Amino acid sequence: MKNTKRLEVLFSVASLYDLGETLEVLHAELRSPGEPEKKLDEMHQLPEYMQARERLIRTSSIFWERLVPRHTTRDIYAFVLKLGCKIKILASGWGFTPKEPGYNWLGQFPNSDILQTQTPREVSGDVLVDIKVPRIAEWNISNPNGLVIIPKDPENKYYSFQGVKGYVRYNGTNSKEYKKAIMDKIRPDKK
């Protein structure tokens, strides 16, 4: 194939699995009697006791065993794997050091490099697959020629992505759109 490129595709753990849903369920299970019900996604800053609880949850094996996969993102993962792209999983937060269960959980991605990072802007690549608006914007600034694929998620449904260059919003039904965008990155002369 003339003028082709092996792409580096970055996936955040949050794009592959619904961490928020699992955290919400486990927080509710650990809530003390009389403690008010609070939705995690509605809170800007977690109180200190809830931060401690979240650290406890994310470093327990039950959290990693109960994670719910995002099937739309797994479709993208399977597509880029089939194309022979270099895949990197971006792991951030608690639970990913070698002695913690999240580190072993990442073993289910044997064809991927695992990168522990708090700041995706420091990670270069050709394509970022993520759901988190701040990380998308940060990465896009450092990788202005990169492609961003944004799986539909309640966390980003009201965001317009006006400042993000080169993105595809994937809702599970428009796979032709993201596949074409990836192929255009692989074969820039065929645009």
Protein backbone atom coordinates (compact mmCIF):
# COMPACT_ATOMS: atom_id res chain seq x y z
CA MET A 1 0.00 0.00 0.00
CA LYS A 2 1.45 3.33 -1.06
CA ASN A 3 2.00 6.11 1.47
CA THR A 4 0.49 4.35 4.49
CA LYS A 5 1.21 4.96 8.14
CA ARG A 6 0.98 2.72 11.22
CA LEU A 7 -1.20 4.71 13.57
CA GLU A 8 -0.79 5.02 17.32
CA VAL A 9 -4.25 4.87 18.87
CA LEU A 10 -4.76 5.88 22.50
CA PHE A 11 -7.70 4.61 24.56
CA SER A 12 -8.50 5.88 28.04
CA VAL A 13 -9.63 3.18 30.46
CA ALA A 14 -12.81 5.26 30.94
CA SER A 15 -13.55 4.99 27.23
CA LEU A 16 -13.35 1.17 27.33
CA TYR A 17 -15.31 0.59 30.55
CA ASP A 18 -17.97 2.53 32.43
CA LEU A 19 -16.00 3.34 35.57
CA GLY A 20 -18.61 5.87 36.71
CA GLU A 21 -21.50 3.43 36.75
CA THR A 22 -19.48 0.87 38.74
CA LEU A 23 -18.23 3.53 41.18
CA GLU A 24 -21.78 4.80 41.68
CA VAL A 25 -23.09 1.31 42.53
CA LEU A 26 -20.23 0.52 44.92
CA HIS A 27 -20.46 3.94 46.64
CA ALA A 28 -24.17 3.27 47.23
CA GLU A 29 -23.42 -0.18 48.66
CA LEU A 30 -20.91 1.32 51.10
CA ARG A 31 -23.06 4.30 52.11
CA SER A 32 -23.51 4.60 55.86
CA PRO A 33 -27.01 4.52 57.38
CA GLY A 34 -28.40 8.04 57.36
CA GLU A 35 -25.83 9.27 54.83
CA PRO A 36 -27.58 11.36 52.15
CA GLU A 37 -27.77 9.92 48.65
CA LYS A 38 -25.50 11.88 46.33
CA LYS A 39 -24.94 11.20 42.66
CA LEU A 40 -21.19 11.28 41.98
CA ASP A 41 -21.56 12.87 38.56
CA GLU A 42 -23.57 15.76 40.04
CA MET A 43 -20.83 16.67 42.54
CA HIS A 44 -18.05 19.04 41.48
CA GLN A 45 -15.77 18.09 44.36
CA LEU A 46 -16.17 14.93 46.40
CA PRO A 47 -16.06 15.42 50.19
CA GLU A 48 -12.90 13.99 51.76
CA TYR A 49 -14.66 10.90 53.16
CA MET A 50 -16.03 10.07 49.68
CA GLN A 51 -12.58 10.53 48.13
CA ALA A 52 -11.22 8.04 50.67
CA ARG A 53 -14.07 5.66 49.87
CA GLU A 54 -13.36 5.97 46.14
CA ARG A 55 -9.67 5.16 46.69
CA LEU A 56 -10.73 2.10 48.68
CA ILE A 57 -13.16 1.02 45.94
CA ARG A 58 -10.72 1.51 43.04
CA THR A 59 -8.00 -0.45 44.80
CA SER A 60 -10.29 -3.41 45.53
CA SER A 61 -10.58 -6.36 43.17
CA ILE A 62 -14.40 -6.23 43.23
CA PHE A 63 -14.35 -2.89 41.39
CA TRP A 64 -12.32 -4.35 38.53
CA GLU A 65 -14.40 -7.54 38.41
CA ARG A 66 -17.67 -5.61 38.11
CA LEU A 67 -16.70 -3.05 35.46
CA VAL A 68 -19.21 -2.71 32.65
CA PRO A 69 -17.66 -2.65 29.14
CA ARG A 70 -18.57 0.09 26.69
CA HIS A 71 -19.46 -1.94 23.62
CA THR A 72 -19.22 1.00 21.22
CA THR A 73 -15.61 1.62 22.19
CA ARG A 74 -14.79 -2.08 22.09
CA ASP A 75 -15.91 -1.99 18.42
CA ILE A 76 -13.37 0.76 17.75
CA TYR A 77 -10.69 -1.21 19.63
CA ALA A 78 -11.36 -4.34 17.54
CA PHE A 79 -11.24 -2.29 14.31
CA VAL A 80 -7.87 -0.64 15.01
CA LEU A 81 -6.43 -3.93 16.31
CA LYS A 82 -7.43 -5.61 13.03
CA LEU A 83 -5.74 -2.77 11.09
CA GLY A 84 -2.48 -3.42 12.96
CA CYS A 85 -2.41 -0.06 14.73
CA LYS A 86 -0.19 0.41 17.78
CA ILE A 87 -2.58 0.60 20.74
CA LYS A 88 -1.88 2.36 24.02
CA ILE A 89 -4.18 2.25 27.05
CA LEU A 90 -4.01 5.40 29.17
CA ALA A 91 -4.42 4.52 32.83
CA SER A 92 -4.80 7.28 35.41
CA GLY A 93 -5.92 7.52 38.99
CA TRP A 94 -5.93 4.96 41.76
CA GLY A 95 -5.55 1.24 41.26
CA PHE A 96 -2.97 0.94 38.49
CA THR A 97 0.32 0.37 40.30
CA PRO A 98 1.83 -3.15 39.97
CA LYS A 99 0.54 -4.35 43.36
CA GLU A 100 -3.05 -3.14 42.77
CA PRO A 101 -5.86 -5.07 41.04
CA GLY A 102 -6.31 -2.54 38.22
CA TYR A 103 -2.80 -3.28 37.00
CA ASN A 104 -3.61 -6.99 36.59
CA TRP A 105 -6.98 -6.14 35.04
CA LEU A 106 -5.16 -4.28 32.25
CA GLY A 107 -3.67 -7.65 31.26
CA GLN A 108 -6.81 -8.30 29.20
CA PHE A 109 -5.31 -6.00 26.57
CA PRO A 110 -2.23 -8.09 25.62
CA ASN A 111 -1.63 -6.29 22.32
CA SER A 112 -1.48 -2.88 23.97
CA ASP A 113 1.07 -0.76 25.77
CA ILE A 114 -0.15 0.52 29.14
CA LEU A 115 0.77 4.10 30.02
CA GLN A 116 0.26 5.44 33.53
CA THR A 117 -0.45 9.15 33.12
CA GLN A 118 -2.40 11.92 34.78
CA THR A 119 -1.94 14.30 31.85
CA PRO A 120 -2.81 12.97 28.39
CA ARG A 121 -1.37 16.07 26.74
CA GLU A 122 2.07 14.57 27.40
CA VAL A 123 1.20 11.44 25.38
CA SER A 124 1.56 11.72 21.64
CA GLY A 125 -0.44 9.65 19.21
CA ASP A 126 -2.47 9.87 16.05
CA VAL A 127 -5.90 9.04 17.48
CA LEU A 128 -7.40 9.48 20.96
CA VAL A 129 -10.54 7.61 22.00
CA ASP A 130 -11.94 9.17 25.18
CA ILE A 131 -15.14 10.37 26.82
CA LYS A 132 -13.70 12.94 29.25
CA VAL A 133 -14.02 16.49 27.93
CA PRO A 134 -11.03 18.05 29.78
CA ARG A 135 -8.66 15.27 28.66
CA ILE A 136 -9.87 15.52 25.06
CA ALA A 137 -9.28 19.27 24.98
CA GLU A 138 -5.82 18.96 26.62
CA TRP A 139 -4.69 16.23 24.26
CA ASN A 140 -6.01 18.06 21.20
CA ILE A 141 -3.96 21.16 22.03
CA SER A 142 -0.75 19.08 22.16
CA ASN A 143 -1.75 16.95 19.14
CA PRO A 144 -3.44 19.44 16.79
CA ASN A 145 -3.23 17.06 13.81
CA GLY A 146 -4.65 14.17 15.80
CA LEU A 147 -8.06 12.59 15.40
CA VAL A 148 -10.33 12.38 18.44
CA ILE A 149 -13.08 9.77 18.58
CA ILE A 150 -15.61 10.59 21.28
CA PRO A 151 -17.98 7.75 22.23
CA LYS A 152 -21.37 9.06 23.30
CA ASP A 153 -21.64 9.22 27.08
CA PRO A 154 -23.87 11.06 29.59
CA GLU A 155 -20.75 12.89 30.77
CA ASN A 156 -20.22 14.57 27.41
CA LYS A 157 -23.69 14.69 25.86
CA TYR A 158 -24.18 18.45 26.30
CA TYR A 159 -20.69 19.47 25.21
CA SER A 160 -20.32 20.93 21.72
CA PHE A 161 -16.58 20.20 21.20
CA GLN A 162 -16.24 23.50 19.28
CA GLY A 163 -12.56 23.94 20.16
CA VAL A 164 -11.63 20.36 19.30
CA LYS A 165 -10.15 19.92 15.83
CA GLY A 166 -10.60 16.71 13.89
CA TYR A 167 -13.11 14.69 15.86
CA VAL A 168 -15.82 12.11 15.32
CA ARG A 169 -18.60 11.70 17.84
CA TYR A 170 -19.50 8.01 17.84
CA ASN A 171 -23.00 7.05 18.97
CA GLY A 172 -22.88 3.34 18.12
CA THR A 173 -24.62 3.69 14.75
CA ASN A 174 -22.18 5.79 12.72
CA SER A 175 -19.21 3.42 12.51
CA LYS A 176 -18.61 4.31 8.85
CA GLU A 177 -17.72 7.84 9.97
CA TYR A 178 -14.99 6.87 12.45
CA LYS A 179 -13.67 4.12 10.15
CA LYS A 180 -13.30 6.59 7.28
CA ALA A 181 -11.55 9.11 9.55
CA ILE A 182 -9.09 6.45 10.71
CA MET A 183 -8.45 5.25 7.16
CA ASP A 184 -7.82 8.86 6.09
CA LYS A 185 -5.14 9.05 8.81
CA ILE A 186 -3.57 5.78 7.60
CA ARG A 187 -3.63 6.83 3.93
CA PRO A 188 -3.40 10.62 3.90
CA ASP A 189 -2.93 10.65 0.10
CA LYS A 190 -6.39 9.07 -0.40
CA LYS A 191 -8.42 11.89 1.29
